[in-house]
Amino acid sequence: MTFQAAIFDMDGLLLDTERVCMNVFQQACQAIDVPFLKDIYLNIIGRNAAGIEQTLRTGYGPDLDYPVLHEAWRSRYDAVVTQQAIPVKEGVIELLSWLKENNIPTAVATSTRREIAEIKLRLAGLDKYFDSTSTGCEVTNGKPDPEIYLLAASRLDIPAEQCLAFEDSNNGVRAAVAAQMITYQIPDLVEPSADIIELGHHIRPSLKTVLAELKQQALISA
């Protein structure tokens, strides 16, 4: 095969969490009488905590009381995702099982903080599939910077250019491509923009489609 490892984003790619997160953000906005600005919200997808704060402060302007919004949002969100399993996206189990059967190392590279990421993966029954997890709180520069993908590859002891990377968000794709990984994008809430499409990575409707392609490639190279 032309790759030696596979690295996955989590929210919106493995788990159908992005809609949950956006709905809770909207509820938080209503609770503290702040308008829900969807276009600004969509720009935070894929970013770590620092990137989210910067994007929201810039988008909402100087009158935003960010600590109050953040607390209203995160307390509601954590109450949901730490108590119930988030649905797994189409093709996830099948792809992860196939990679494990073929002894291909796998990792998670998520902007989510570690304690929440680990709970999400465990509740969804996905934690057993991964050799390591790298999280947004462990890097200085979040996505779209490639740092988290380079960290994930180093923990697997595999060169970044020999890793597959799976993402849903445009910010995540920028990070994976900058890390020189073989990048697949499975769009979720946000479709690839024109400048993202120009990056030349693979854009597919689901991980189920990706698995079919990888199996075909394996047959050809066998």
N, C-alpha and C. Protein backbone atom coordinates (compact mmCIF):
# COMPACT_ATOMS: atom_id res chain seq x y z
N MET A 1 0.83 -1.19 0.00
CA MET A 1 0.00 0.00 0.00
C MET A 1 0.87 1.25 0.00
N THR A 2 0.29 2.37 -0.40
CA THR A 2 1.06 3.60 -0.52
C THR A 2 1.05 4.41 0.78
N PHE A 3 0.50 3.87 1.85
CA PHE A 3 0.48 4.55 3.15
C PHE A 3 0.79 3.55 4.25
N GLN A 4 1.24 4.09 5.39
CA GLN A 4 1.62 3.23 6.50
C GLN A 4 0.80 3.48 7.76
N ALA A 5 -0.01 4.53 7.77
CA ALA A 5 -0.83 4.84 8.95
C ALA A 5 -2.01 5.69 8.52
N ALA A 6 -2.99 5.78 9.41
CA ALA A 6 -4.18 6.59 9.14
C ALA A 6 -4.50 7.44 10.36
N ILE A 7 -4.71 8.72 10.14
CA ILE A 7 -4.98 9.66 11.22
C ILE A 7 -6.32 10.34 10.98
N PHE A 8 -7.15 10.37 12.00
CA PHE A 8 -8.53 10.82 11.88
C PHE A 8 -8.82 12.03 12.76
N ASP A 9 -9.51 13.00 12.17
CA ASP A 9 -10.21 14.00 12.98
C ASP A 9 -11.33 13.27 13.71
N MET A 10 -11.95 13.90 14.68
CA MET A 10 -13.02 13.23 15.44
C MET A 10 -14.39 13.83 15.18
N ASP A 11 -14.61 15.08 15.60
CA ASP A 11 -15.94 15.68 15.50
C ASP A 11 -16.32 16.00 14.06
N GLY A 12 -17.46 15.47 13.64
CA GLY A 12 -17.93 15.70 12.28
C GLY A 12 -17.36 14.71 11.29
N LEU A 13 -16.37 13.93 11.71
CA LEU A 13 -15.74 12.95 10.82
C LEU A 13 -16.00 11.53 11.33
N LEU A 14 -15.62 11.26 12.56
CA LEU A 14 -15.94 9.98 13.19
C LEU A 14 -17.31 10.03 13.85
N LEU A 15 -17.58 11.13 14.51
CA LEU A 15 -18.82 11.28 15.29
C LEU A 15 -19.67 12.41 14.73
N ASP A 16 -20.97 12.23 14.78
CA ASP A 16 -21.90 13.23 14.26
C ASP A 16 -22.17 14.30 15.33
N THR A 17 -21.10 14.97 15.74
CA THR A 17 -21.18 15.93 16.85
C THR A 17 -21.38 17.37 16.43
N GLU A 18 -21.08 17.71 15.18
CA GLU A 18 -21.09 19.13 14.82
C GLU A 18 -22.48 19.75 14.92
N ARG A 19 -23.51 19.01 14.58
CA ARG A 19 -24.87 19.53 14.71
C ARG A 19 -25.25 19.70 16.17
N VAL A 20 -24.83 18.74 16.99
CA VAL A 20 -25.08 18.85 18.43
C VAL A 20 -24.42 20.10 18.98
N CYS A 21 -23.17 20.31 18.62
CA CYS A 21 -22.41 21.45 19.12
C CYS A 21 -23.02 22.77 18.67
N MET A 22 -23.43 22.85 17.41
CA MET A 22 -24.02 24.09 16.90
C MET A 22 -25.36 24.38 17.58
N ASN A 23 -26.17 23.36 17.77
CA ASN A 23 -27.46 23.56 18.43
C ASN A 23 -27.28 24.06 19.86
N VAL A 24 -26.28 23.48 20.56
CA VAL A 24 -26.03 23.90 21.94
C VAL A 24 -25.49 25.33 21.97
N PHE A 25 -24.65 25.68 21.00
CA PHE A 25 -24.14 27.05 20.92
C PHE A 25 -25.29 28.03 20.73
N GLN A 26 -26.24 27.67 19.87
CA GLN A 26 -27.40 28.52 19.63
C GLN A 26 -28.22 28.68 20.91
N GLN A 27 -28.39 27.60 21.67
CA GLN A 27 -29.11 27.67 22.94
C GLN A 27 -28.39 28.58 23.93
N ALA A 28 -27.05 28.49 23.94
CA ALA A 28 -26.26 29.34 24.84
C ALA A 28 -26.42 30.81 24.47
N CYS A 29 -26.40 31.10 23.19
CA CYS A 29 -26.59 32.48 22.73
C CYS A 29 -27.94 33.03 23.20
N GLN A 30 -28.99 32.22 23.06
CA GLN A 30 -30.31 32.64 23.48
C GLN A 30 -30.36 32.87 24.99
N ALA A 31 -29.67 32.03 25.73
CA ALA A 31 -29.70 32.11 27.19
C ALA A 31 -29.08 33.40 27.71
N ILE A 32 -28.08 33.92 27.01
CA ILE A 32 -27.40 35.14 27.48
C ILE A 32 -27.70 36.34 26.59
N ASP A 33 -28.71 36.17 25.72
CA ASP A 33 -29.20 37.28 24.88
C ASP A 33 -28.12 37.80 23.92
N VAL A 34 -27.47 36.85 23.25
CA VAL A 34 -26.48 37.17 22.21
C VAL A 34 -26.99 36.59 20.90
N PRO A 35 -26.91 37.31 19.79
CA PRO A 35 -27.42 36.76 18.53
C PRO A 35 -26.61 35.54 18.08
N PHE A 36 -27.29 34.59 17.47
CA PHE A 36 -26.62 33.44 16.89
C PHE A 36 -26.24 33.79 15.45
N LEU A 37 -24.95 33.94 15.20
CA LEU A 37 -24.45 34.31 13.88
C LEU A 37 -23.84 33.06 13.23
N LYS A 38 -24.64 32.40 12.42
CA LYS A 38 -24.26 31.09 11.89
C LYS A 38 -22.98 31.16 11.06
N ASP A 39 -22.85 32.17 10.21
CA ASP A 39 -21.67 32.27 9.35
C ASP A 39 -20.39 32.35 10.18
N ILE A 40 -20.44 33.09 11.28
CA ILE A 40 -19.27 33.18 12.15
C ILE A 40 -19.03 31.85 12.85
N TYR A 41 -20.12 31.23 13.31
CA TYR A 41 -19.98 29.94 13.99
C TYR A 41 -19.31 28.90 13.08
N LEU A 42 -19.71 28.84 11.84
CA LEU A 42 -19.16 27.81 10.94
C LEU A 42 -17.65 27.97 10.75
N ASN A 43 -17.15 29.17 10.96
CA ASN A 43 -15.70 29.40 10.81
C ASN A 43 -14.89 28.81 11.95
N ILE A 44 -15.53 28.44 13.05
CA ILE A 44 -14.77 27.88 14.18
C ILE A 44 -14.59 26.38 14.06
N ILE A 45 -15.30 25.74 13.15
CA ILE A 45 -15.26 24.28 13.05
C ILE A 45 -13.85 23.82 12.70
N GLY A 46 -13.34 22.89 13.48
CA GLY A 46 -12.00 22.36 13.26
C GLY A 46 -10.92 23.05 14.07
N ARG A 47 -11.25 24.16 14.72
CA ARG A 47 -10.23 24.91 15.46
C ARG A 47 -10.17 24.45 16.91
N ASN A 48 -9.00 24.70 17.55
CA ASN A 48 -8.88 24.39 18.97
C ASN A 48 -9.44 25.55 19.80
N ALA A 49 -9.32 25.45 21.13
CA ALA A 49 -9.95 26.44 22.01
C ALA A 49 -9.47 27.86 21.73
N ALA A 50 -8.17 28.01 21.53
CA ALA A 50 -7.63 29.35 21.27
C ALA A 50 -8.15 29.90 19.95
N GLY A 51 -8.20 29.06 18.94
CA GLY A 51 -8.69 29.50 17.64
C GLY A 51 -10.17 29.84 17.66
N ILE A 52 -10.95 29.07 18.43
CA ILE A 52 -12.38 29.35 18.57
C ILE A 52 -12.58 30.72 19.22
N GLU A 53 -11.86 30.96 20.30
CA GLU A 53 -12.00 32.24 20.99
C GLU A 53 -11.64 33.41 20.08
N GLN A 54 -10.53 33.30 19.38
CA GLN A 54 -10.11 34.38 18.50
C GLN A 54 -11.14 34.64 17.40
N THR A 55 -11.66 33.57 16.80
CA THR A 55 -12.63 33.71 15.71
C THR A 55 -13.93 34.34 16.20
N LEU A 56 -14.42 33.92 17.37
CA LEU A 56 -15.67 34.47 17.90
C LEU A 56 -15.49 35.92 18.34
N ARG A 57 -14.38 36.23 18.98
CA ARG A 57 -14.14 37.61 19.39
C ARG A 57 -14.07 38.54 18.18
N THR A 58 -13.38 38.08 17.13
CA THR A 58 -13.27 38.89 15.91
C THR A 58 -14.62 39.06 15.23
N GLY A 59 -15.36 37.94 15.16
CA GLY A 59 -16.64 37.98 14.45
C GLY A 59 -17.72 38.75 15.17
N TYR A 60 -17.77 38.62 16.49
CA TYR A 60 -18.82 39.28 17.27
C TYR A 60 -18.46 40.69 17.69
N GLY A 61 -17.19 41.02 17.68
CA GLY A 61 -16.79 42.37 18.03
C GLY A 61 -16.49 42.56 19.51
N PRO A 62 -16.04 43.75 19.89
CA PRO A 62 -15.53 44.01 21.24
C PRO A 62 -16.59 43.96 22.33
N ASP A 63 -17.87 44.02 21.97
CA ASP A 63 -18.92 44.00 23.00
C ASP A 63 -19.22 42.59 23.50
N LEU A 64 -18.68 41.58 22.85
CA LEU A 64 -18.95 40.21 23.27
C LEU A 64 -18.28 39.90 24.61
N ASP A 65 -19.04 39.39 25.55
CA ASP A 65 -18.48 38.91 26.82
C ASP A 65 -18.15 37.43 26.61
N TYR A 66 -16.96 37.20 26.09
CA TYR A 66 -16.63 35.83 25.69
C TYR A 66 -16.64 34.84 26.85
N PRO A 67 -16.09 35.15 28.01
CA PRO A 67 -16.12 34.17 29.11
C PRO A 67 -17.54 33.71 29.46
N VAL A 68 -18.49 34.64 29.43
CA VAL A 68 -19.88 34.28 29.75
C VAL A 68 -20.46 33.37 28.67
N LEU A 69 -20.22 33.72 27.40
CA LEU A 69 -20.70 32.87 26.30
C LEU A 69 -20.05 31.50 26.35
N HIS A 70 -18.76 31.49 26.58
CA HIS A 70 -18.03 30.22 26.61
C HIS A 70 -18.56 29.30 27.71
N GLU A 71 -18.81 29.84 28.88
CA GLU A 71 -19.31 29.03 29.99
C GLU A 71 -20.72 28.50 29.69
N ALA A 72 -21.57 29.37 29.15
CA ALA A 72 -22.94 28.96 28.83
C ALA A 72 -22.95 27.86 27.78
N TRP A 73 -22.03 27.95 26.84
CA TRP A 73 -21.95 26.99 25.74
C TRP A 73 -21.33 25.68 26.21
N ARG A 74 -20.17 25.76 26.83
CA ARG A 74 -19.43 24.55 27.19
C ARG A 74 -20.14 23.73 28.27
N SER A 75 -20.76 24.40 29.23
CA SER A 75 -21.45 23.65 30.28
C SER A 75 -22.60 22.84 29.70
N ARG A 76 -23.32 23.42 28.76
CA ARG A 76 -24.41 22.70 28.10
C ARG A 76 -23.88 21.58 27.21
N TYR A 77 -22.83 21.87 26.47
CA TYR A 77 -22.27 20.87 25.56
C TYR A 77 -21.69 19.68 26.32
N ASP A 78 -20.90 19.96 27.36
CA ASP A 78 -20.28 18.88 28.14
C ASP A 78 -21.34 18.02 28.81
N ALA A 79 -22.43 18.64 29.23
CA ALA A 79 -23.50 17.87 29.87
C ALA A 79 -24.10 16.85 28.92
N VAL A 80 -24.09 17.17 27.63
CA VAL A 80 -24.62 16.24 26.63
C VAL A 80 -23.61 15.15 26.31
N VAL A 81 -22.40 15.56 25.89
CA VAL A 81 -21.46 14.58 25.32
C VAL A 81 -20.78 13.70 26.37
N THR A 82 -20.85 14.08 27.64
CA THR A 82 -20.26 13.22 28.66
C THR A 82 -21.26 12.23 29.24
N GLN A 83 -22.51 12.32 28.81
CA GLN A 83 -23.55 11.46 29.36
C GLN A 83 -24.15 10.50 28.34
N GLN A 84 -23.96 10.75 27.07
CA GLN A 84 -24.57 9.90 26.05
C GLN A 84 -23.63 9.75 24.86
N ALA A 85 -23.75 8.60 24.21
CA ALA A 85 -22.92 8.33 23.03
C ALA A 85 -23.41 9.15 21.85
N ILE A 86 -22.47 9.80 21.18
CA ILE A 86 -22.79 10.52 19.94
C ILE A 86 -22.81 9.50 18.80
N PRO A 87 -23.78 9.57 17.88
CA PRO A 87 -23.83 8.61 16.78
C PRO A 87 -22.54 8.61 15.95
N VAL A 88 -22.15 7.43 15.51
CA VAL A 88 -20.97 7.26 14.68
C VAL A 88 -21.36 7.48 13.21
N LYS A 89 -20.50 8.13 12.46
CA LYS A 89 -20.81 8.45 11.07
C LYS A 89 -20.71 7.20 10.18
N GLU A 90 -21.30 7.30 9.01
CA GLU A 90 -21.36 6.18 8.08
C GLU A 90 -19.97 5.70 7.67
N GLY A 91 -19.75 4.41 7.74
CA GLY A 91 -18.51 3.82 7.26
C GLY A 91 -17.37 3.81 8.25
N VAL A 92 -17.55 4.43 9.41
CA VAL A 92 -16.45 4.55 10.37
C VAL A 92 -16.01 3.19 10.90
N ILE A 93 -16.93 2.41 11.42
CA ILE A 93 -16.58 1.12 12.00
C ILE A 93 -15.96 0.20 10.95
N GLU A 94 -16.54 0.19 9.78
CA GLU A 94 -16.04 -0.68 8.71
C GLU A 94 -14.61 -0.31 8.33
N LEU A 95 -14.33 0.99 8.19
CA LEU A 95 -12.98 1.42 7.81
C LEU A 95 -11.98 1.14 8.92
N LEU A 96 -12.34 1.45 10.16
CA LEU A 96 -11.42 1.21 11.27
C LEU A 96 -11.15 -0.29 11.44
N SER A 97 -12.16 -1.10 11.26
CA SER A 97 -11.98 -2.56 11.38
C SER A 97 -11.05 -3.07 10.29
N TRP A 98 -11.20 -2.56 9.09
CA TRP A 98 -10.35 -2.99 7.97
C TRP A 98 -8.91 -2.59 8.21
N LEU A 99 -8.69 -1.38 8.70
CA LEU A 99 -7.33 -0.93 8.99
C LEU A 99 -6.70 -1.80 10.07
N LYS A 100 -7.46 -2.13 11.10
CA LYS A 100 -6.94 -2.98 12.17
C LYS A 100 -6.61 -4.38 11.65
N GLU A 101 -7.48 -4.93 10.81
CA GLU A 101 -7.24 -6.26 10.23
C GLU A 101 -5.96 -6.29 9.40
N ASN A 102 -5.61 -5.13 8.83
CA ASN A 102 -4.42 -5.05 7.99
C ASN A 102 -3.21 -4.48 8.75
N ASN A 103 -3.34 -4.41 10.07
CA ASN A 103 -2.23 -3.98 10.94
C ASN A 103 -1.69 -2.59 10.59
N ILE A 104 -2.61 -1.70 10.23
CA ILE A 104 -2.23 -0.33 9.91
C ILE A 104 -2.47 0.54 11.14
N PRO A 105 -1.44 1.19 11.68
CA PRO A 105 -1.61 2.03 12.88
C PRO A 105 -2.58 3.18 12.62
N THR A 106 -3.33 3.52 13.65
CA THR A 106 -4.31 4.60 13.54
C THR A 106 -4.21 5.55 14.72
N ALA A 107 -4.58 6.80 14.47
CA ALA A 107 -4.54 7.81 15.54
C ALA A 107 -5.67 8.80 15.33
N VAL A 108 -6.00 9.50 16.41
CA VAL A 108 -6.94 10.61 16.36
C VAL A 108 -6.16 11.91 16.51
N ALA A 109 -6.53 12.91 15.71
CA ALA A 109 -5.96 14.25 15.82
C ALA A 109 -7.13 15.23 15.90
N THR A 110 -7.54 15.57 17.10
CA THR A 110 -8.74 16.38 17.29
C THR A 110 -8.45 17.67 18.02
N SER A 111 -9.17 18.71 17.66
CA SER A 111 -9.03 20.00 18.34
C SER A 111 -9.68 20.00 19.72
N THR A 112 -10.50 19.01 20.00
CA THR A 112 -11.17 18.89 21.29
C THR A 112 -10.16 18.64 22.41
N ARG A 113 -10.45 19.15 23.60
CA ARG A 113 -9.56 18.91 24.73
C ARG A 113 -9.60 17.42 25.12
N ARG A 114 -8.50 16.95 25.68
CA ARG A 114 -8.30 15.50 25.86
C ARG A 114 -9.39 14.83 26.69
N GLU A 115 -9.74 15.39 27.83
CA GLU A 115 -10.67 14.68 28.71
C GLU A 115 -12.02 14.45 28.04
N ILE A 116 -12.47 15.42 27.23
CA ILE A 116 -13.74 15.28 26.53
C ILE A 116 -13.59 14.34 25.33
N ALA A 117 -12.48 14.43 24.62
CA ALA A 117 -12.25 13.56 23.48
C ALA A 117 -12.25 12.09 23.90
N GLU A 118 -11.59 11.80 25.00
CA GLU A 118 -11.52 10.41 25.45
C GLU A 118 -12.88 9.88 25.87
N ILE A 119 -13.69 10.72 26.49
CA ILE A 119 -15.04 10.30 26.87
C ILE A 119 -15.89 10.04 25.63
N LYS A 120 -15.82 10.93 24.66
CA LYS A 120 -16.59 10.75 23.43
C LYS A 120 -16.24 9.45 22.73
N LEU A 121 -14.95 9.19 22.58
CA LEU A 121 -14.51 7.98 21.89
C LEU A 121 -14.93 6.73 22.66
N ARG A 122 -14.82 6.79 23.97
CA ARG A 122 -15.18 5.62 24.79
C ARG A 122 -16.68 5.35 24.72
N LEU A 123 -17.50 6.38 24.88
CA LEU A 123 -18.95 6.19 24.84
C LEU A 123 -19.42 5.67 23.48
N ALA A 124 -18.72 6.08 22.42
CA ALA A 124 -19.09 5.64 21.08
C ALA A 124 -18.51 4.27 20.74
N GLY A 125 -17.66 3.73 21.62
CA GLY A 125 -17.05 2.44 21.38
C GLY A 125 -15.93 2.47 20.36
N LEU A 126 -15.31 3.63 20.17
CA LEU A 126 -14.26 3.77 19.17
C LEU A 126 -12.85 3.76 19.74
N ASP A 127 -12.72 3.93 21.04
CA ASP A 127 -11.38 4.08 21.63
C ASP A 127 -10.50 2.86 21.37
N LYS A 128 -11.07 1.68 21.25
CA LYS A 128 -10.30 0.45 21.07
C LYS A 128 -9.60 0.38 19.71
N TYR A 129 -10.00 1.23 18.79
CA TYR A 129 -9.44 1.17 17.44
C TYR A 129 -8.16 1.99 17.27
N PHE A 130 -7.84 2.87 18.23
CA PHE A 130 -6.77 3.83 18.01
C PHE A 130 -5.55 3.56 18.88
N ASP A 131 -4.38 3.75 18.26
CA ASP A 131 -3.11 3.56 18.95
C ASP A 131 -2.71 4.79 19.76
N SER A 132 -3.19 5.96 19.37
CA SER A 132 -2.89 7.18 20.13
C SER A 132 -3.92 8.25 19.82
N THR A 133 -3.99 9.24 20.70
CA THR A 133 -4.88 10.39 20.50
C THR A 133 -4.11 11.66 20.79
N SER A 134 -4.14 12.58 19.85
CA SER A 134 -3.53 13.91 20.03
C SER A 134 -4.64 14.94 20.03
N THR A 135 -4.57 15.89 20.96
CA THR A 135 -5.67 16.82 21.17
C THR A 135 -5.22 18.27 21.09
N GLY A 136 -6.21 19.14 20.93
CA GLY A 136 -5.92 20.56 20.74
C GLY A 136 -5.19 21.21 21.88
N CYS A 137 -5.36 20.69 23.10
CA CYS A 137 -4.69 21.28 24.25
C CYS A 137 -3.21 20.92 24.31
N GLU A 138 -2.75 20.06 23.41
CA GLU A 138 -1.35 19.61 23.43
C GLU A 138 -0.49 20.33 22.40
N VAL A 139 -1.07 21.23 21.64
CA VAL A 139 -0.30 21.93 20.61
C VAL A 139 -0.38 23.44 20.84
N THR A 140 0.63 24.13 20.37
CA THR A 140 0.64 25.59 20.47
C THR A 140 -0.25 26.21 19.42
N ASN A 141 -0.19 25.66 18.21
CA ASN A 141 -0.95 26.19 17.08
C ASN A 141 -1.97 25.16 16.62
N GLY A 142 -3.26 25.51 16.72
CA GLY A 142 -4.31 24.60 16.30
C GLY A 142 -4.52 24.61 14.80
N LYS A 143 -5.36 23.71 14.33
CA LYS A 143 -5.74 23.70 12.92
C LYS A 143 -6.26 25.08 12.54
N PRO A 144 -5.89 25.62 11.40
CA PRO A 144 -5.31 25.00 10.20
C PRO A 144 -3.79 24.82 10.20
N ASP A 145 -3.13 25.11 11.28
CA ASP A 145 -1.70 24.81 11.37
C ASP A 145 -1.52 23.28 11.40
N PRO A 146 -0.46 22.75 10.79
CA PRO A 146 -0.27 21.30 10.74
C PRO A 146 0.26 20.66 12.02
N GLU A 147 0.51 21.45 13.07
CA GLU A 147 1.20 20.93 14.25
C GLU A 147 0.57 19.66 14.82
N ILE A 148 -0.75 19.62 14.92
CA ILE A 148 -1.38 18.46 15.56
C ILE A 148 -1.23 17.20 14.71
N TYR A 149 -1.23 17.35 13.39
CA TYR A 149 -1.04 16.19 12.52
C TYR A 149 0.41 15.69 12.58
N LEU A 150 1.33 16.60 12.66
CA LEU A 150 2.74 16.21 12.80
C LEU A 150 2.97 15.51 14.14
N LEU A 151 2.30 15.99 15.19
CA LEU A 151 2.40 15.34 16.49
C LEU A 151 1.83 13.93 16.44
N ALA A 152 0.67 13.78 15.82
CA ALA A 152 0.04 12.46 15.72
C ALA A 152 0.92 11.48 14.95
N ALA A 153 1.51 11.94 13.85
CA ALA A 153 2.39 11.07 13.07
C ALA A 153 3.63 10.68 13.87
N SER A 154 4.19 11.63 14.61
CA SER A 154 5.39 11.33 15.40
C SER A 154 5.10 10.31 16.48
N ARG A 155 3.90 10.35 17.05
CA ARG A 155 3.54 9.39 18.09
C ARG A 155 3.36 7.98 17.51
N LEU A 156 3.03 7.90 16.24
CA LEU A 156 2.95 6.59 15.58
C LEU A 156 4.30 6.17 15.02
N ASP A 157 5.26 7.10 15.04
CA ASP A 157 6.59 6.88 14.48
C ASP A 157 6.52 6.56 12.99
N ILE A 158 5.66 7.30 12.29
CA ILE A 158 5.48 7.16 10.85
C ILE A 158 5.69 8.53 10.21
N PRO A 159 6.46 8.64 9.12
CA PRO A 159 6.61 9.93 8.46
C PRO A 159 5.25 10.49 8.02
N ALA A 160 5.05 11.78 8.19
CA ALA A 160 3.75 12.39 7.89
C ALA A 160 3.30 12.13 6.46
N GLU A 161 4.25 12.16 5.53
CA GLU A 161 3.88 11.99 4.12
C GLU A 161 3.44 10.56 3.80
N GLN A 162 3.63 9.65 4.74
CA GLN A 162 3.18 8.27 4.54
C GLN A 162 1.91 7.96 5.33
N CYS A 163 1.23 9.02 5.76
CA CYS A 163 -0.02 8.87 6.52
C CYS A 163 -1.22 9.34 5.70
N LEU A 164 -2.31 8.60 5.82
CA LEU A 164 -3.60 9.10 5.37
C LEU A 164 -4.14 10.02 6.45
N ALA A 165 -4.82 11.09 6.05
CA ALA A 165 -5.49 11.98 7.00
C ALA A 165 -6.94 12.12 6.56
N PHE A 166 -7.85 12.02 7.53
CA PHE A 166 -9.27 12.11 7.26
C PHE A 166 -9.86 13.29 8.01
N GLU A 167 -10.55 14.16 7.29
CA GLU A 167 -11.08 15.39 7.85
C GLU A 167 -12.47 15.69 7.28
N ASP A 168 -13.23 16.49 8.00
CA ASP A 168 -14.48 17.02 7.45
C ASP A 168 -14.38 18.52 7.19
N SER A 169 -13.66 19.26 8.04
CA SER A 169 -13.66 20.71 7.95
C SER A 169 -12.57 21.26 7.03
N ASN A 170 -12.80 22.46 6.55
CA ASN A 170 -11.80 23.13 5.72
C ASN A 170 -10.54 23.45 6.52
N ASN A 171 -10.71 23.86 7.78
CA ASN A 171 -9.54 24.14 8.62
C ASN A 171 -8.71 22.88 8.82
N GLY A 172 -9.38 21.76 9.04
CA GLY A 172 -8.66 20.50 9.21
C GLY A 172 -7.93 20.06 7.96
N VAL A 173 -8.57 20.26 6.82
CA VAL A 173 -7.93 19.91 5.55
C VAL A 173 -6.67 20.73 5.34
N ARG A 174 -6.75 22.02 5.62
CA ARG A 174 -5.56 22.86 5.48
C ARG A 174 -4.41 22.31 6.34
N ALA A 175 -4.74 21.88 7.55
CA ALA A 175 -3.72 21.35 8.46
C ALA A 175 -3.11 20.07 7.91
N ALA A 176 -3.95 19.15 7.46
CA ALA A 176 -3.46 17.86 6.97
C ALA A 176 -2.64 18.01 5.70
N VAL A 177 -3.10 18.86 4.79
CA VAL A 177 -2.35 19.09 3.55
C VAL A 177 -1.01 19.76 3.84
N ALA A 178 -1.01 20.71 4.78
CA ALA A 178 0.23 21.37 5.15
C ALA A 178 1.22 20.40 5.78
N ALA A 179 0.70 19.34 6.41
CA ALA A 179 1.56 18.30 6.98
C ALA A 179 2.03 17.31 5.92
N GLN A 180 1.60 17.53 4.68
CA GLN A 180 1.98 16.70 3.53
C GLN A 180 1.44 15.28 3.63
N MET A 181 0.26 15.16 4.22
CA MET A 181 -0.39 13.86 4.30
C MET A 181 -1.30 13.63 3.10
N ILE A 182 -1.61 12.37 2.84
CA ILE A 182 -2.57 12.01 1.80
C ILE A 182 -3.95 12.27 2.38
N THR A 183 -4.58 13.35 1.97
CA THR A 183 -5.74 13.87 2.69
C THR A 183 -7.06 13.56 2.01
N TYR A 184 -8.00 13.05 2.81
CA TYR A 184 -9.37 12.82 2.37
C TYR A 184 -10.29 13.74 3.17
N GLN A 185 -11.19 14.40 2.47
CA GLN A 185 -12.18 15.24 3.13
C GLN A 185 -13.57 14.65 2.93
N ILE A 186 -14.29 14.47 4.05
CA ILE A 186 -15.67 14.02 4.02
C ILE A 186 -16.49 15.18 4.58
N PRO A 187 -17.00 16.08 3.73
CA PRO A 187 -17.65 17.29 4.23
C PRO A 187 -18.83 16.99 5.14
N ASP A 188 -19.00 17.84 6.16
CA ASP A 188 -20.11 17.69 7.09
C ASP A 188 -20.99 18.94 7.02
N LEU A 189 -20.87 19.86 7.97
CA LEU A 189 -21.70 21.06 7.95
C LEU A 189 -21.27 22.07 6.89
N VAL A 190 -19.99 22.07 6.55
CA VAL A 190 -19.44 23.07 5.64
C VAL A 190 -18.88 22.39 4.40
N GLU A 191 -19.35 22.84 3.24
CA GLU A 191 -18.82 22.31 1.99
C GLU A 191 -17.45 22.92 1.69
N PRO A 192 -16.59 22.21 0.97
CA PRO A 192 -15.27 22.76 0.63
C PRO A 192 -15.40 24.04 -0.18
N SER A 193 -14.67 25.06 0.22
CA SER A 193 -14.65 26.31 -0.53
C SER A 193 -13.76 26.16 -1.76
N ALA A 194 -13.81 27.14 -2.65
CA ALA A 194 -13.06 27.05 -3.90
C ALA A 194 -11.56 26.93 -3.64
N ASP A 195 -11.07 27.68 -2.67
CA ASP A 195 -9.63 27.62 -2.39
C ASP A 195 -9.23 26.30 -1.75
N ILE A 196 -10.15 25.65 -1.04
CA ILE A 196 -9.87 24.33 -0.48
C ILE A 196 -9.83 23.29 -1.60
N ILE A 197 -10.77 23.35 -2.51
CA ILE A 197 -10.80 22.40 -3.63
C ILE A 197 -9.50 22.47 -4.42
N GLU A 198 -8.94 23.68 -4.54
CA GLU A 198 -7.70 23.86 -5.30
C GLU A 198 -6.51 23.16 -4.65
N LEU A 199 -6.62 22.75 -3.40
CA LEU A 199 -5.52 22.04 -2.74
C LEU A 199 -5.25 20.68 -3.37
N GLY A 200 -6.26 20.15 -4.07
CA GLY A 200 -6.05 18.91 -4.82
C GLY A 200 -6.15 17.63 -4.01
N HIS A 201 -6.72 17.71 -2.82
CA HIS A 201 -6.89 16.51 -2.01
C HIS A 201 -8.11 15.72 -2.48
N HIS A 202 -8.40 14.60 -1.82
CA HIS A 202 -9.54 13.76 -2.19
C HIS A 202 -10.78 14.20 -1.42
N ILE A 203 -11.87 14.43 -2.11
CA ILE A 203 -13.14 14.79 -1.48
C ILE A 203 -14.15 13.68 -1.78
N ARG A 204 -14.68 13.07 -0.72
CA ARG A 204 -15.57 11.93 -0.88
C ARG A 204 -16.83 12.13 -0.02
N PRO A 205 -17.94 11.48 -0.39
CA PRO A 205 -19.19 11.66 0.35
C PRO A 205 -19.24 10.95 1.70
N SER A 206 -18.45 9.88 1.86
CA SER A 206 -18.47 9.15 3.13
C SER A 206 -17.22 8.31 3.26
N LEU A 207 -16.95 7.85 4.48
CA LEU A 207 -15.83 6.94 4.69
C LEU A 207 -16.11 5.58 4.08
N LYS A 208 -17.35 5.25 3.87
CA LYS A 208 -17.71 4.01 3.19
C LYS A 208 -17.15 4.00 1.77
N THR A 209 -17.26 5.15 1.11
CA THR A 209 -16.70 5.29 -0.24
C THR A 209 -15.18 5.17 -0.20
N VAL A 210 -14.56 5.78 0.78
CA VAL A 210 -13.10 5.70 0.93
C VAL A 210 -12.66 4.26 1.11
N LEU A 211 -13.36 3.53 1.95
CA LEU A 211 -12.99 2.13 2.20
C LEU A 211 -13.03 1.31 0.92
N ALA A 212 -14.05 1.51 0.12
CA ALA A 212 -14.14 0.78 -1.15
C ALA A 212 -12.94 1.07 -2.04
N GLU A 213 -12.52 2.34 -2.07
CA GLU A 213 -11.36 2.72 -2.87
C GLU A 213 -10.08 2.09 -2.34
N LEU A 214 -9.91 2.11 -1.03
CA LEU A 214 -8.69 1.56 -0.43
C LEU A 214 -8.63 0.05 -0.65
N LYS A 215 -9.74 -0.62 -0.57
CA LYS A 215 -9.76 -2.06 -0.82
C LYS A 215 -9.39 -2.35 -2.27
N GLN A 216 -9.88 -1.53 -3.19
CA GLN A 216 -9.54 -1.72 -4.61
C GLN A 216 -8.06 -1.49 -4.84
N GLN A 217 -7.51 -0.45 -4.21
CA GLN A 217 -6.08 -0.20 -4.34
C GLN A 217 -5.27 -1.34 -3.79
N ALA A 218 -5.72 -1.92 -2.69
CA ALA A 218 -5.01 -3.04 -2.08
C ALA A 218 -5.00 -4.25 -3.00
N LEU A 219 -6.13 -4.49 -3.70
CA LEU A 219 -6.20 -5.60 -4.65
C LEU A 219 -5.24 -5.39 -5.82
N ILE A 220 -5.18 -4.15 -6.30
CA ILE A 220 -4.32 -3.85 -7.45
C ILE A 220 -2.85 -4.03 -7.10
N SER A 221 -2.49 -3.61 -5.86
CA SER A 221 -1.08 -3.66 -5.47
C SER A 221 -0.66 -5.03 -4.95
N ALA A 222 -1.64 -5.90 -4.74
CA ALA A 222 -1.32 -7.23 -4.19
C ALA A 222 -0.57 -8.09 -5.20
